[in-house]
Amino acid sequence: GGSLRLSCAASGSTSTIIVMGWYRQAPGKQRELV
């Protein structure tokens, strides 16, 4: 029921980036798009 905010800072050749996102992987499961 609580809240949390994740951050992701990008650096380097950031002008080449087309899309950004978040994935997650739980124990025993495959990585999935969030």
Full PDB file with SEQRES, HELIX, SHEET, SSBOND, CRYST1, ORIGX, SCALE, CONECT and MASTER records, all heavy atoms in Angstrom:
SEQRES   1 A   34  GLY GLY SER LEU ARG LEU SER CYS ALA ALA SER GLY SER          
SEQRES   2 A   34  THR SER THR ILE ILE VAL MET GLY TRP TYR ARG GLN ALA          
SEQRES   3 A   34  PRO GLY LYS GLN ARG GLU LEU VAL                              
HELIX    1 AA1 THR A   14  THR A   16  5                                   3    
CRYST1    1.000    1.000    1.000  90.00  90.00  90.00 P 1           1          
ORIGX1      1.000000  0.000000  0.000000        0.00000                         
ORIGX2      0.000000  1.000000  0.000000        0.00000                         
ORIGX3      0.000000  0.000000  1.000000        0.00000                         
SCALE1      1.000000  0.000000  0.000000        0.00000                         
SCALE2      0.000000  1.000000  0.000000        0.00000                         
SCALE3      0.000000  0.000000  1.000000        0.00000                         
ATOM      1  N   GLY A   1       0.792  -1.213   0.000  1.00  0.00           N  
ATOM      2  CA  GLY A   1       0.000   0.000   0.000  1.00  0.00           C  
ATOM      3  C   GLY A   1       0.827   1.267   0.000  1.00  0.00           C  
ATOM      4  O   GLY A   1       0.286   2.357  -0.220  1.00  0.00           O  
ATOM      5  N   GLY A   2       2.120   1.136   0.222  1.00  0.00           N  
ATOM      6  CA  GLY A   2       3.005   2.282   0.251  1.00  0.00           C  
ATOM      7  C   GLY A   2       3.448   2.715  -1.126  1.00  0.00           C  
ATOM      8  O   GLY A   2       3.028   2.168  -2.145  1.00  0.00           O  
ATOM      9  N   SER A   3       4.326   3.715  -1.154  1.00  0.00           N  
ATOM     10  CA  SER A   3       4.814   4.284  -2.407  1.00  0.00           C  
ATOM     11  C   SER A   3       6.329   4.370  -2.420  1.00  0.00           C  
ATOM     12  O   SER A   3       6.979   4.415  -1.369  1.00  0.00           O  
ATOM     13  CB  SER A   3       4.235   5.686  -2.623  1.00  0.00           C  
ATOM     14  OG  SER A   3       2.824   5.660  -2.727  1.00  0.00           O  
ATOM     15  N   LEU A   4       6.874   4.411  -3.618  1.00  0.00           N  
ATOM     16  CA  LEU A   4       8.309   4.502  -3.811  1.00  0.00           C  
ATOM     17  C   LEU A   4       8.560   5.142  -5.171  1.00  0.00           C  
ATOM     18  O   LEU A   4       7.777   4.930  -6.106  1.00  0.00           O  
ATOM     19  CB  LEU A   4       8.929   3.106  -3.758  1.00  0.00           C  
ATOM     20  CG  LEU A   4      10.395   2.944  -3.350  1.00  0.00           C  
ATOM     21  CD1 LEU A   4      10.628   3.478  -1.945  1.00  0.00           C  
ATOM     22  CD2 LEU A   4      10.771   1.457  -3.420  1.00  0.00           C  
ATOM     23  N   ARG A   5       9.629   5.918  -5.282  1.00  0.00           N  
ATOM     24  CA  ARG A   5      10.004   6.503  -6.566  1.00  0.00           C  
ATOM     25  C   ARG A   5      11.413   6.092  -6.936  1.00  0.00           C  
ATOM     26  O   ARG A   5      12.361   6.333  -6.185  1.00  0.00           O  
ATOM     27  CB  ARG A   5       9.909   8.031  -6.552  1.00  0.00           C  
ATOM     28  CG  ARG A   5      10.065   8.636  -7.956  1.00  0.00           C  
ATOM     29  CD  ARG A   5       9.972  10.144  -7.976  1.00  0.00           C  
ATOM     30  NE  ARG A   5      11.200  10.775  -7.489  1.00  0.00           N  
ATOM     31  CZ  ARG A   5      11.575  12.014  -7.779  1.00  0.00           C  
ATOM     32  NH1 ARG A   5      10.805  12.770  -8.558  1.00  0.00           N  
ATOM     33  NH2 ARG A   5      12.693  12.518  -7.280  1.00  0.00           N  
ATOM     34  N   LEU A   6      11.549   5.478  -8.104  1.00  0.00           N  
ATOM     35  CA  LEU A   6      12.839   5.084  -8.625  1.00  0.00           C  
ATOM     36  C   LEU A   6      13.354   6.135  -9.599  1.00  0.00           C  
ATOM     37  O   LEU A   6      12.574   6.766 -10.312  1.00  0.00           O  
ATOM     38  CB  LEU A   6      12.749   3.735  -9.348  1.00  0.00           C  
ATOM     39  CG  LEU A   6      12.165   2.558  -8.567  1.00  0.00           C  
ATOM     40  CD1 LEU A   6      12.211   1.307  -9.425  1.00  0.00           C  
ATOM     41  CD2 LEU A   6      12.901   2.354  -7.254  1.00  0.00           C  
ATOM     42  N   SER A   7      14.666   6.296  -9.639  1.00  0.00           N  
ATOM     43  CA  SER A   7      15.300   7.227 -10.559  1.00  0.00           C  
ATOM     44  C   SER A   7      16.360   6.499 -11.369  1.00  0.00           C  
ATOM     45  O   SER A   7      16.986   5.554 -10.884  1.00  0.00           O  
ATOM     46  CB  SER A   7      15.957   8.386  -9.802  1.00  0.00           C  
ATOM     47  OG  SER A   7      15.015   9.120  -9.056  1.00  0.00           O  
ATOM     48  N   CYS A   8      16.566   6.946 -12.592  1.00  0.00           N  
ATOM     49  CA  CYS A   8      17.609   6.404 -13.448  1.00  0.00           C  
ATOM     50  C   CYS A   8      18.270   7.555 -14.184  1.00  0.00           C  
ATOM     51  O   CYS A   8      17.633   8.209 -15.017  1.00  0.00           O  
ATOM     52  CB  CYS A   8      17.037   5.398 -14.450  1.00  0.00           C  
ATOM     53  SG  CYS A   8      18.234   4.822 -15.682  1.00  0.00           S  
ATOM     54  N   ALA A   9      19.534   7.784 -13.880  1.00  0.00           N  
ATOM     55  CA  ALA A   9      20.294   8.847 -14.518  1.00  0.00           C  
ATOM     56  C   ALA A   9      21.120   8.282 -15.665  1.00  0.00           C  
ATOM     57  O   ALA A   9      21.874   7.322 -15.475  1.00  0.00           O  
ATOM     58  CB  ALA A   9      21.201   9.533 -13.496  1.00  0.00           C  
ATOM     59  N   ALA A  10      20.973   8.865 -16.834  1.00  0.00           N  
ATOM     60  CA  ALA A  10      21.706   8.426 -18.017  1.00  0.00           C  
ATOM     61  C   ALA A  10      22.863   9.374 -18.306  1.00  0.00           C  
ATOM     62  O   ALA A  10      22.747  10.589 -18.143  1.00  0.00           O  
ATOM     63  CB  ALA A  10      20.784   8.353 -19.222  1.00  0.00           C  
ATOM     64  N   SER A  11      23.974   8.806 -18.744  1.00  0.00           N  
ATOM     65  CA  SER A  11      25.131   9.606 -19.118  1.00  0.00           C  
ATOM     66  C   SER A  11      25.847   8.941 -20.288  1.00  0.00           C  
ATOM     67  O   SER A  11      25.541   7.809 -20.652  1.00  0.00           O  
ATOM     68  CB  SER A  11      26.083   9.783 -17.930  1.00  0.00           C  
ATOM     69  OG  SER A  11      26.575   8.533 -17.473  1.00  0.00           O  
ATOM     70  N   GLY A  12      26.794   9.638 -20.868  1.00  0.00           N  
ATOM     71  CA  GLY A  12      27.505   9.129 -22.023  1.00  0.00           C  
ATOM     72  C   GLY A  12      26.869   9.627 -23.307  1.00  0.00           C  
ATOM     73  O   GLY A  12      26.507  10.794 -23.412  1.00  0.00           O  
ATOM     74  N   SER A  13      26.702   8.729 -24.273  1.00  0.00           N  
ATOM     75  CA  SER A  13      26.140   9.082 -25.581  1.00  0.00           C  
ATOM     76  C   SER A  13      24.619   9.089 -25.540  1.00  0.00           C  
ATOM     77  O   SER A  13      23.949   8.316 -26.228  1.00  0.00           O  
ATOM     78  CB  SER A  13      26.644   8.118 -26.650  1.00  0.00           C  
ATOM     79  OG  SER A  13      28.052   8.123 -26.730  1.00  0.00           O  
ATOM     80  N   THR A  14      24.071   9.979 -24.743  1.00  0.00           N  
ATOM     81  CA  THR A  14      22.619  10.006 -24.541  1.00  0.00           C  
ATOM     82  C   THR A  14      21.850  10.452 -25.780  1.00  0.00           C  
ATOM     83  O   THR A  14      20.654  10.198 -25.877  1.00  0.00           O  
ATOM     84  CB  THR A  14      22.255  10.915 -23.360  1.00  0.00           C  
ATOM     85  OG1 THR A  14      22.774  12.224 -23.585  1.00  0.00           O  
ATOM     86  CG2 THR A  14      22.830  10.366 -22.069  1.00  0.00           C  
ATOM     87  N   SER A  15      22.513  11.099 -26.720  1.00  0.00           N  
ATOM     88  CA  SER A  15      21.843  11.539 -27.939  1.00  0.00           C  
ATOM     89  C   SER A  15      21.421  10.369 -28.819  1.00  0.00           C  
ATOM     90  O   SER A  15      20.596  10.542 -29.715  1.00  0.00           O  
ATOM     91  CB  SER A  15      22.742  12.489 -28.733  1.00  0.00           C  
ATOM     92  OG  SER A  15      23.933  11.846 -29.148  1.00  0.00           O  
ATOM     93  N   THR A  16      21.961   9.185 -28.579  1.00  0.00           N  
ATOM     94  CA  THR A  16      21.625   8.000 -29.366  1.00  0.00           C  
ATOM     95  C   THR A  16      20.404   7.260 -28.827  1.00  0.00           C  
ATOM     96  O   THR A  16      19.921   6.329 -29.465  1.00  0.00           O  
ATOM     97  CB  THR A  16      22.806   7.017 -29.415  1.00  0.00           C  
ATOM     98  OG1 THR A  16      23.055   6.476 -28.115  1.00  0.00           O  
ATOM     99  CG2 THR A  16      24.066   7.716 -29.906  1.00  0.00           C  
ATOM    100  N   ILE A  17      19.902   7.653 -27.673  1.00  0.00           N  
ATOM    101  CA  ILE A  17      18.798   6.948 -27.025  1.00  0.00           C  
ATOM    102  C   ILE A  17      17.487   7.177 -27.771  1.00  0.00           C  
ATOM    103  O   ILE A  17      17.129   8.302 -28.091  1.00  0.00           O  
ATOM    104  CB  ILE A  17      18.664   7.386 -25.559  1.00  0.00           C  
ATOM    105  CG1 ILE A  17      19.917   6.997 -24.773  1.00  0.00           C  
ATOM    106  CG2 ILE A  17      17.419   6.761 -24.931  1.00  0.00           C  
ATOM    107  CD1 ILE A  17      19.937   7.522 -23.349  1.00  0.00           C  
ATOM    108  N   ILE A  18      16.771   6.080 -28.024  1.00  0.00           N  
ATOM    109  CA  ILE A  18      15.480   6.134 -28.699  1.00  0.00           C  
ATOM    110  C   ILE A  18      14.335   5.963 -27.702  1.00  0.00           C  
ATOM    111  O   ILE A  18      13.338   6.679 -27.753  1.00  0.00           O  
ATOM    112  CB  ILE A  18      15.383   5.046 -29.781  1.00  0.00           C  
ATOM    113  CG1 ILE A  18      16.455   5.278 -30.859  1.00  0.00           C  
ATOM    114  CG2 ILE A  18      13.985   5.024 -30.401  1.00  0.00           C  
ATOM    115  CD1 ILE A  18      16.589   4.141 -31.843  1.00  0.00           C  
ATOM    116  N   VAL A  19      14.491   5.011 -26.794  1.00  0.00           N  
ATOM    117  CA  VAL A  19      13.461   4.725 -25.807  1.00  0.00           C  
ATOM    118  C   VAL A  19      14.118   4.363 -24.481  1.00  0.00           C  
ATOM    119  O   VAL A  19      15.221   3.805 -24.451  1.00  0.00           O  
ATOM    120  CB  VAL A  19      12.547   3.575 -26.287  1.00  0.00           C  
ATOM    121  CG1 VAL A  19      13.354   2.295 -26.488  1.00  0.00           C  
ATOM    122  CG2 VAL A  19      11.400   3.341 -25.323  1.00  0.00           C  
ATOM    123  N   MET A  20      13.462   4.693 -23.388  1.00  0.00           N  
ATOM    124  CA  MET A  20      13.932   4.306 -22.075  1.00  0.00           C  
ATOM    125  C   MET A  20      12.778   3.686 -21.298  1.00  0.00           C  
ATOM    126  O   MET A  20      11.613   3.976 -21.566  1.00  0.00           O  
ATOM    127  CB  MET A  20      14.502   5.492 -21.302  1.00  0.00           C  
ATOM    128  CG  MET A  20      15.769   6.061 -21.908  1.00  0.00           C  
ATOM    129  SD  MET A  20      16.574   7.288 -20.852  1.00  0.00           S  
ATOM    130  CE  MET A  20      17.158   6.231 -19.507  1.00  0.00           C  
ATOM    131  N   GLY A  21      13.118   2.834 -20.362  1.00  0.00           N  
ATOM    132  CA  GLY A  21      12.072   2.198 -19.595  1.00  0.00           C  
ATOM    133  C   GLY A  21      12.586   1.463 -18.387  1.00  0.00           C  
ATOM    134  O   GLY A  21      13.775   1.504 -18.063  1.00  0.00           O  
ATOM    135  N   TRP A  22      11.642   0.817 -17.725  1.00  0.00           N  
ATOM    136  CA  TRP A  22      11.934   0.038 -16.536  1.00  0.00           C  
ATOM    137  C   TRP A  22      11.492  -1.404 -16.728  1.00  0.00           C  
ATOM    138  O   TRP A  22      10.382  -1.665 -17.217  1.00  0.00           O  
ATOM    139  CB  TRP A  22      11.210   0.611 -15.313  1.00  0.00           C  
ATOM    140  CG  TRP A  22      11.701   1.956 -14.897  1.00  0.00           C  
ATOM    141  CD1 TRP A  22      11.228   3.168 -15.273  1.00  0.00           C  
ATOM    142  CD2 TRP A  22      12.796   2.209 -14.004  1.00  0.00           C  
ATOM    143  NE1 TRP A  22      11.941   4.172 -14.671  1.00  0.00           N  
ATOM    144  CE2 TRP A  22      12.911   3.624 -13.889  1.00  0.00           C  
ATOM    145  CE3 TRP A  22      13.676   1.404 -13.291  1.00  0.00           C  
ATOM    146  CZ2 TRP A  22      13.874   4.230 -13.087  1.00  0.00           C  
ATOM    147  CZ3 TRP A  22      14.639   1.998 -12.500  1.00  0.00           C  
ATOM    148  CH2 TRP A  22      14.727   3.394 -12.399  1.00  0.00           C  
ATOM    149  N   TYR A  23      12.346  -2.331 -16.365  1.00  0.00           N  
ATOM    150  CA  TYR A  23      12.043  -3.750 -16.314  1.00  0.00           C  
ATOM    151  C   TYR A  23      12.214  -4.220 -14.883  1.00  0.00           C  
ATOM    152  O   TYR A  23      12.860  -3.551 -14.068  1.00  0.00           O  
ATOM    153  CB  TYR A  23      12.981  -4.549 -17.213  1.00  0.00           C  
ATOM    154  CG  TYR A  23      12.717  -4.409 -18.698  1.00  0.00           C  
ATOM    155  CD1 TYR A  23      13.016  -3.228 -19.375  1.00  0.00           C  
ATOM    156  CD2 TYR A  23      12.183  -5.464 -19.439  1.00  0.00           C  
ATOM    157  CE1 TYR A  23      12.786  -3.093 -20.730  1.00  0.00           C  
ATOM    158  CE2 TYR A  23      11.954  -5.348 -20.797  1.00  0.00           C  
ATOM    159  CZ  TYR A  23      12.260  -4.166 -21.436  1.00  0.00           C  
ATOM    160  OH  TYR A  23      12.032  -4.046 -22.785  1.00  0.00           O  
ATOM    161  N   ARG A  24      11.640  -5.371 -14.568  1.00  0.00           N  
ATOM    162  CA  ARG A  24      11.846  -5.950 -13.253  1.00  0.00           C  
ATOM    163  C   ARG A  24      11.980  -7.460 -13.360  1.00  0.00           C  
ATOM    164  O   ARG A  24      11.462  -8.081 -14.280  1.00  0.00           O  
ATOM    165  CB  ARG A  24      10.708  -5.585 -12.294  1.00  0.00           C  
ATOM    166  CG  ARG A  24       9.361  -6.200 -12.636  1.00  0.00           C  
ATOM    167  CD  ARG A  24       8.277  -5.668 -11.709  1.00  0.00           C  
ATOM    168  NE  ARG A  24       6.975  -6.259 -11.991  1.00  0.00           N  
ATOM    169  CZ  ARG A  24       5.844  -5.864 -11.410  1.00  0.00           C  
ATOM    170  NH1 ARG A  24       5.862  -4.877 -10.523  1.00  0.00           N  
ATOM    171  NH2 ARG A  24       4.698  -6.461 -11.725  1.00  0.00           N  
ATOM    172  N   GLN A  25      12.684  -8.027 -12.409  1.00  0.00           N  
ATOM    173  CA  GLN A  25      12.861  -9.463 -12.352  1.00  0.00           C  
ATOM    174  C   GLN A  25      12.694  -9.929 -10.913  1.00  0.00           C  
ATOM    175  O   GLN A  25      13.475  -9.564 -10.036  1.00  0.00           O  
ATOM    176  CB  GLN A  25      14.234  -9.881 -12.885  1.00  0.00           C  
ATOM    177  CG  GLN A  25      14.410 -11.385 -13.000  1.00  0.00           C  
ATOM    178  CD  GLN A  25      15.616 -11.767 -13.834  1.00  0.00           C  
ATOM    179  OE1 GLN A  25      16.565 -10.996 -13.944  1.00  0.00           O  
ATOM    180  NE2 GLN A  25      15.583 -12.942 -14.417  1.00  0.00           N  
ATOM    181  N   ALA A  26      11.657 -10.720 -10.692  1.00  0.00           N  
ATOM    182  CA  ALA A  26      11.385 -11.289  -9.382  1.00  0.00           C  
ATOM    183  C   ALA A  26      12.070 -12.637  -9.263  1.00  0.00           C  
ATOM    184  O   ALA A  26      12.376 -13.280 -10.271  1.00  0.00           O  
ATOM    185  CB  ALA A  26       9.880 -11.438  -9.179  1.00  0.00           C  
ATOM    186  N   PRO A  27      12.314 -13.103  -8.040  1.00  0.00           N  
ATOM    187  CA  PRO A  27      12.947 -14.411  -7.859  1.00  0.00           C  
ATOM    188  C   PRO A  27      12.171 -15.520  -8.556  1.00  0.00           C  
ATOM    189  O   PRO A  27      10.955 -15.634  -8.397  1.00  0.00           O  
ATOM    190  CB  PRO A  27      12.922 -14.605  -6.339  1.00  0.00           C  
ATOM    191  CG  PRO A  27      12.921 -13.217  -5.798  1.00  0.00           C  
ATOM    192  CD  PRO A  27      12.063 -12.437  -6.755  1.00  0.00           C  
ATOM    193  N   GLY A  28      12.867 -16.320  -9.354  1.00  0.00           N  
ATOM    194  CA  GLY A  28      12.243 -17.430 -10.048  1.00  0.00           C  
ATOM    195  C   GLY A  28      11.455 -17.059 -11.287  1.00  0.00           C  
ATOM    196  O   GLY A  28      10.821 -17.928 -11.893  1.00  0.00           O  
ATOM    197  N   LYS A  29      11.468 -15.789 -11.670  1.00  0.00           N  
ATOM    198  CA  LYS A  29      10.728 -15.345 -12.840  1.00  0.00           C  
ATOM    199  C   LYS A  29      11.653 -14.664 -13.847  1.00  0.00           C  
ATOM    200  O   LYS A  29      12.761 -14.252 -13.516  1.00  0.00           O  
ATOM    201  CB  LYS A  29       9.613 -14.375 -12.441  1.00  0.00           C  
ATOM    202  CG  LYS A  29       8.521 -14.996 -11.589  1.00  0.00           C  
ATOM    203  CD  LYS A  29       7.394 -14.013 -11.359  1.00  0.00           C  
ATOM    204  CE  LYS A  29       6.263 -14.633 -10.568  1.00  0.00           C  
ATOM    205  NZ  LYS A  29       5.148 -13.670 -10.361  1.00  0.00           N  
ATOM    206  N   GLN A  30      11.167 -14.560 -15.081  1.00  0.00           N  
ATOM    207  CA  GLN A  30      11.916 -13.871 -16.118  1.00  0.00           C  
ATOM    208  C   GLN A  30      11.754 -12.364 -15.993  1.00  0.00           C  
ATOM    209  O   GLN A  30      10.791 -11.871 -15.403  1.00  0.00           O  
ATOM    210  CB  GLN A  30      11.452 -14.324 -17.506  1.00  0.00           C  
ATOM    211  CG  GLN A  30      11.813 -15.759 -17.856  1.00  0.00           C  
ATOM    212  CD  GLN A  30      11.611 -16.055 -19.332  1.00  0.00           C  
ATOM    213  OE1 GLN A  30      10.952 -15.309 -20.046  1.00  0.00           O  
ATOM    214  NE2 GLN A  30      12.195 -17.139 -19.792  1.00  0.00           N  
ATOM    215  N   ARG A  31      12.708 -11.650 -16.548  1.00  0.00           N  
ATOM    216  CA  ARG A  31      12.631 -10.204 -16.556  1.00  0.00           C  
ATOM    217  C   ARG A  31      11.461  -9.756 -17.429  1.00  0.00           C  
ATOM    218  O   ARG A  31      11.257 -10.286 -18.524  1.00  0.00           O  
ATOM    219  CB  ARG A  31      13.945  -9.614 -17.077  1.00  0.00           C  
ATOM    220  CG  ARG A  31      14.057  -8.109 -16.936  1.00  0.00           C  
ATOM    221  CD  ARG A  31      15.457  -7.622 -17.308  1.00  0.00           C  
ATOM    222  NE  ARG A  31      16.487  -8.210 -16.458  1.00  0.00           N  
ATOM    223  CZ  ARG A  31      17.771  -7.889 -16.510  1.00  0.00           C  
ATOM    224  NH1 ARG A  31      18.194  -6.969 -17.375  1.00  0.00           N  
ATOM    225  NH2 ARG A  31      18.637  -8.484 -15.702  1.00  0.00           N  
ATOM    226  N   GLU A  32      10.689  -8.784 -16.949  1.00  0.00           N  
ATOM    227  CA  GLU A  32       9.525  -8.315 -17.675  1.00  0.00           C  
ATOM    228  C   GLU A  32       9.506  -6.797 -17.762  1.00  0.00           C  
ATOM    229  O   GLU A  32      10.006  -6.098 -16.881  1.00  0.00           O  
ATOM    230  CB  GLU A  32       8.237  -8.802 -17.003  1.00  0.00           C  
ATOM    231  CG  GLU A  32       8.022  -8.241 -15.610  1.00  0.00           C  
ATOM    232  CD  GLU A  32       6.699  -8.653 -15.000  1.00  0.00           C  
ATOM    233  OE1 GLU A  32       5.861  -9.247 -15.698  1.00  0.00           O  
ATOM    234  OE2 GLU A  32       6.496  -8.376 -13.793  1.00  0.00           O  
ATOM    235  N   LEU A  33       8.899  -6.305 -18.823  1.00  0.00           N  
ATOM    236  CA  LEU A  33       8.750  -4.865 -19.005  1.00  0.00           C  
ATOM    237  C   LEU A  33       7.719  -4.330 -18.028  1.00  0.00           C  
ATOM    238  O   LEU A  33       6.630  -4.882 -17.898  1.00  0.00           O  
ATOM    239  CB  LEU A  33       8.327  -4.552 -20.434  1.00  0.00           C  
ATOM    240  CG  LEU A  33       8.010  -3.080 -20.736  1.00  0.00           C  
ATOM    241  CD1 LEU A  33       9.275  -2.235 -20.671  1.00  0.00           C  
ATOM    242  CD2 LEU A  33       7.352  -2.937 -22.104  1.00  0.00           C  
ATOM    243  N   VAL A  34       8.054  -3.240 -17.364  1.00  0.00           N  
ATOM    244  CA  VAL A  34       7.138  -2.565 -16.454  1.00  0.00           C  
ATOM    245  C   VAL A  34       6.542  -1.330 -17.112  1.00  0.00           C  
ATOM    246  O   VAL A  34       5.326  -1.138 -17.127  1.00  0.00           O  
ATOM    247  CB  VAL A  34       7.841  -2.166 -15.146  1.00  0.00           C  
ATOM    248  CG1 VAL A  34       6.892  -1.390 -14.236  1.00  0.00           C  
ATOM    249  CG2 VAL A  34       8.369  -3.403 -14.433  1.00  0.00           C  
TER     250      VAL A  34                                                      
MASTER        0    0    0    1    0    0    0    6  249    1    0    3          
END                                                                             
